[in-house]
Amino acid sequence: MGQPLTVVKVGGSLYDLPDLSSRLQRWLMQIPDALLIPGGGPTADVVRRLDLTHGLGEERAHWLALDALQLNAHFLAWLLPSARVVDHPQEACAGGVTILNAFQFLSGEKAACRKGRLPHCWAVSSDAIAARAAVVAESNHLVLLKSVTIPQGMDWEDAGRRGYVDEWFARTVRQAEPKLQVSAVNLRDWRP
């Protein structure tokens, strides 16, 4: 990759916005090079319910949830026709929007036993996956697009305790500090 790109986590809680395609396209106009990480949303919630009902176990359920993120990556690609799905942050292209297939990315991380890789448990969600992708891509900026407003000045550990981000997010972000700047945008409230 040329210059560092912006990693953008698109929260699954946004998937029910009827104008998500146009809203996301307008928001992305301010970022020339972006790697999108899809949130889990309703598809990951199905896996959570299956795990509760059938006791799949955290690791097996987490891999199924990653499969759900793979589906969501293709859903985002449908909403953003000029974007393409990639298997690793290093495949993100300059001058455009790419979408990470988190299942393939984390499969490669596990196979290579990479330092800093994420565990496969419910404490890791697409927030920490986006942070890990930002670390691997050597990105300078990570943006979390969410349905809630995270109070200004709140540190990420506190945000994790309050449920704004997952439990692994803060420790994953710390791997790239102080280079990585992290911000959050409530896309439901955002106006161009």
Protein backbone atom coordinates (compact mmCIF):
# COMPACT_ATOMS: atom_id res chain seq x y z
CA MET A 1 0.00 0.00 0.00
CA GLY A 2 1.09 3.58 -0.61
CA GLN A 3 0.06 6.11 2.00
CA PRO A 4 -1.79 4.93 5.10
CA LEU A 5 -5.50 4.47 4.66
CA THR A 6 -8.35 5.10 7.04
CA VAL A 7 -9.94 2.02 8.56
CA VAL A 8 -13.69 2.45 9.06
CA LYS A 9 -15.82 0.06 11.09
CA VAL A 10 -19.43 0.15 9.87
CA GLY A 11 -21.55 -0.87 12.85
CA GLY A 12 -24.08 -3.62 12.29
CA SER A 13 -26.61 -1.54 14.21
CA LEU A 14 -26.71 0.74 11.15
CA TYR A 15 -27.90 -1.97 8.75
CA ASP A 16 -31.56 -1.12 9.30
CA LEU A 17 -31.13 2.45 8.02
CA PRO A 18 -33.16 2.66 4.80
CA ASP A 19 -30.74 5.28 3.42
CA LEU A 20 -27.54 3.53 4.57
CA SER A 21 -26.16 3.26 1.03
CA SER A 22 -26.46 6.97 0.21
CA ARG A 23 -25.54 8.10 3.74
CA LEU A 24 -22.40 5.93 3.73
CA GLN A 25 -21.43 7.07 0.23
CA ARG A 26 -21.77 10.73 1.28
CA TRP A 27 -19.77 10.16 4.47
CA LEU A 28 -17.01 8.31 2.57
CA MET A 29 -16.59 11.24 0.15
CA GLN A 30 -14.39 12.90 2.80
CA ILE A 31 -12.02 9.89 2.88
CA PRO A 32 -10.26 9.03 -0.39
CA ASP A 33 -8.77 5.71 0.80
CA ALA A 34 -10.87 3.63 3.18
CA LEU A 35 -10.89 0.04 4.34
CA LEU A 36 -14.32 -0.84 5.71
CA ILE A 37 -14.82 -3.44 8.41
CA PRO A 38 -18.43 -4.68 8.58
CA GLY A 39 -20.11 -4.98 11.95
CA GLY A 40 -22.01 -8.08 12.93
CA GLY A 41 -25.49 -6.69 13.49
CA PRO A 42 -28.46 -9.00 13.08
CA THR A 43 -26.51 -11.78 11.36
CA ALA A 44 -24.08 -12.12 14.28
CA ASP A 45 -27.03 -11.91 16.70
CA VAL A 46 -28.43 -15.06 15.09
CA VAL A 47 -25.18 -16.85 15.91
CA ARG A 48 -25.32 -15.55 19.50
CA ARG A 49 -28.82 -17.00 19.87
CA LEU A 50 -27.73 -20.33 18.35
CA ASP A 51 -24.84 -20.46 20.81
CA LEU A 52 -27.17 -19.77 23.75
CA THR A 53 -29.64 -22.41 22.59
CA HIS A 54 -27.23 -25.13 21.50
CA GLY A 55 -24.07 -24.43 23.52
CA LEU A 56 -21.77 -24.24 20.53
CA GLY A 57 -18.88 -22.98 22.64
CA GLU A 58 -17.21 -19.60 22.33
CA GLU A 59 -14.56 -20.43 19.75
CA ARG A 60 -16.91 -22.32 17.41
CA ALA A 61 -19.59 -19.63 17.78
CA HIS A 62 -17.02 -16.89 17.14
CA TRP A 63 -15.96 -18.53 13.87
CA LEU A 64 -19.62 -18.74 12.83
CA ALA A 65 -19.99 -15.05 13.71
CA LEU A 66 -16.97 -14.34 11.49
CA ASP A 67 -18.84 -16.17 8.73
CA ALA A 68 -21.68 -13.72 9.38
CA LEU A 69 -19.20 -10.84 8.93
CA GLN A 70 -18.23 -12.37 5.60
CA LEU A 71 -21.89 -12.16 4.55
CA ASN A 72 -22.03 -8.57 5.82
CA ALA A 73 -18.94 -7.67 3.77
CA HIS A 74 -20.79 -8.71 0.63
CA PHE A 75 -23.89 -6.83 1.81
CA LEU A 76 -21.79 -3.64 2.13
CA ALA A 77 -20.29 -4.31 -1.31
CA TRP A 78 -23.82 -4.44 -2.70
CA LEU A 79 -24.57 -1.07 -1.03
CA LEU A 80 -21.32 0.41 -2.35
CA PRO A 81 -20.99 -0.93 -5.92
CA SER A 82 -17.57 0.66 -6.53
CA ALA A 83 -16.07 -1.11 -3.49
CA ARG A 84 -14.47 -4.53 -3.57
CA VAL A 85 -14.03 -7.18 -0.89
CA VAL A 86 -10.46 -8.12 0.11
CA ASP A 87 -9.09 -10.84 2.37
CA HIS A 88 -6.30 -8.84 4.05
CA PRO A 89 -5.74 -5.17 4.92
CA GLN A 90 -2.58 -5.18 2.76
CA GLU A 91 -4.84 -5.72 -0.30
CA ALA A 92 -6.66 -2.41 0.20
CA CYS A 93 -6.16 -0.21 -2.81
CA ALA A 94 -5.22 3.46 -2.95
CA GLY A 95 -7.86 5.78 -4.31
CA GLY A 96 -10.91 3.81 -3.36
CA VAL A 97 -12.99 1.91 -0.88
CA THR A 98 -12.35 -1.71 -0.03
CA ILE A 99 -14.17 -3.97 2.41
CA LEU A 100 -12.39 -6.52 4.57
CA ASN A 101 -13.51 -10.14 4.69
CA ALA A 102 -12.84 -10.57 8.42
CA PHE A 103 -13.21 -14.36 8.26
CA GLN A 104 -10.35 -14.71 5.77
CA PHE A 105 -8.22 -12.09 7.54
CA LEU A 106 -8.49 -13.72 10.96
CA SER A 107 -8.06 -17.22 9.48
CA GLY A 108 -4.72 -16.07 8.07
CA GLU A 109 -3.76 -14.48 11.39
CA LYS A 110 -4.48 -17.72 13.25
CA ALA A 111 -2.64 -19.89 10.73
CA ALA A 112 0.45 -17.67 10.91
CA CYS A 113 0.28 -17.39 14.74
CA ARG A 114 0.87 -13.65 14.41
CA LYS A 115 1.78 -11.59 17.46
CA GLY A 116 -1.16 -9.51 18.63
CA ARG A 117 -3.76 -11.72 16.98
CA LEU A 118 -7.19 -11.73 18.54
CA PRO A 119 -8.71 -14.57 20.56
CA HIS A 120 -11.87 -16.22 19.28
CA CYS A 121 -14.45 -15.40 21.91
CA TRP A 122 -17.51 -13.18 22.39
CA ALA A 123 -15.33 -10.50 24.06
CA VAL A 124 -13.99 -9.77 20.56
CA SER A 125 -16.39 -8.09 18.14
CA SER A 126 -15.97 -6.16 14.93
CA ASP A 127 -14.68 -3.19 17.00
CA ALA A 128 -11.51 -5.08 17.98
CA ILE A 129 -11.30 -6.63 14.50
CA ALA A 130 -11.31 -3.11 13.01
CA ALA A 131 -8.60 -2.07 15.47
CA ARG A 132 -6.52 -5.14 14.57
CA ALA A 133 -6.95 -4.39 10.84
CA ALA A 134 -5.78 -0.81 11.51
CA VAL A 135 -2.70 -2.11 13.33
CA VAL A 136 -1.85 -4.55 10.53
CA ALA A 137 -2.48 -1.92 7.83
CA GLU A 138 -0.32 0.57 9.76
CA SER A 139 -3.19 3.03 9.49
CA ASN A 140 -3.08 6.45 11.13
CA HIS A 141 -6.84 6.71 11.59
CA LEU A 142 -9.62 4.39 12.71
CA VAL A 143 -13.22 5.58 12.64
CA LEU A 144 -16.06 3.70 14.30
CA LEU A 145 -19.40 4.39 12.62
CA LYS A 146 -22.05 3.56 15.20
CA SER A 147 -25.67 4.18 16.19
CA VAL A 148 -24.67 5.80 19.48
CA THR A 149 -22.66 8.85 20.45
CA ILE A 150 -19.61 8.03 22.54
CA PRO A 151 -18.99 10.95 24.91
CA GLN A 152 -16.04 13.18 23.93
CA GLY A 153 -12.93 12.53 26.00
CA MET A 154 -14.01 9.10 27.24
CA ASP A 155 -11.06 6.72 27.20
CA TRP A 156 -11.46 3.43 25.35
CA GLU A 157 -11.19 1.27 28.49
CA ASP A 158 -14.16 3.15 29.99
CA ALA A 159 -16.00 2.92 26.66
CA GLY A 160 -15.49 -0.86 26.80
CA ARG A 161 -16.80 -1.08 30.36
CA ARG A 162 -19.90 0.87 29.30
CA GLY A 163 -20.53 -1.33 26.26
CA TYR A 164 -19.77 1.26 23.55
CA VAL A 165 -16.97 -0.98 22.24
CA ASP A 166 -15.97 -4.56 22.98
CA GLU A 167 -13.66 -5.69 25.77
CA TRP A 168 -10.64 -6.22 23.48
CA PHE A 169 -10.86 -2.92 21.62
CA ALA A 170 -8.73 -0.76 23.97
CA ARG A 171 -5.88 -3.25 24.28
CA THR A 172 -5.81 -3.73 20.50
CA VAL A 173 -5.71 0.04 19.88
CA ARG A 174 -2.82 0.36 22.36
CA GLN A 175 -0.68 -1.73 19.98
CA ALA A 176 -0.62 1.22 17.56
CA GLU A 177 -0.62 4.20 19.93
CA PRO A 178 0.24 7.03 19.66
CA LYS A 179 0.28 6.78 15.86
CA LEU A 180 -3.30 5.53 15.51
CA GLN A 181 -5.96 8.17 16.06
CA VAL A 182 -9.38 6.73 16.88
CA SER A 183 -12.69 8.54 16.57
CA ALA A 184 -16.35 7.57 16.62
CA VAL A 185 -19.25 8.99 14.61
CA ASN A 186 -22.93 8.42 15.26
CA LEU A 187 -23.92 7.89 11.61
CA ARG A 188 -27.62 8.01 12.49
CA ASP A 189 -27.19 11.63 13.65
CA TRP A 190 -24.55 12.62 11.10
CA ARG A 191 -25.50 15.33 8.58
CA PRO A 192 -23.33 16.28 5.60
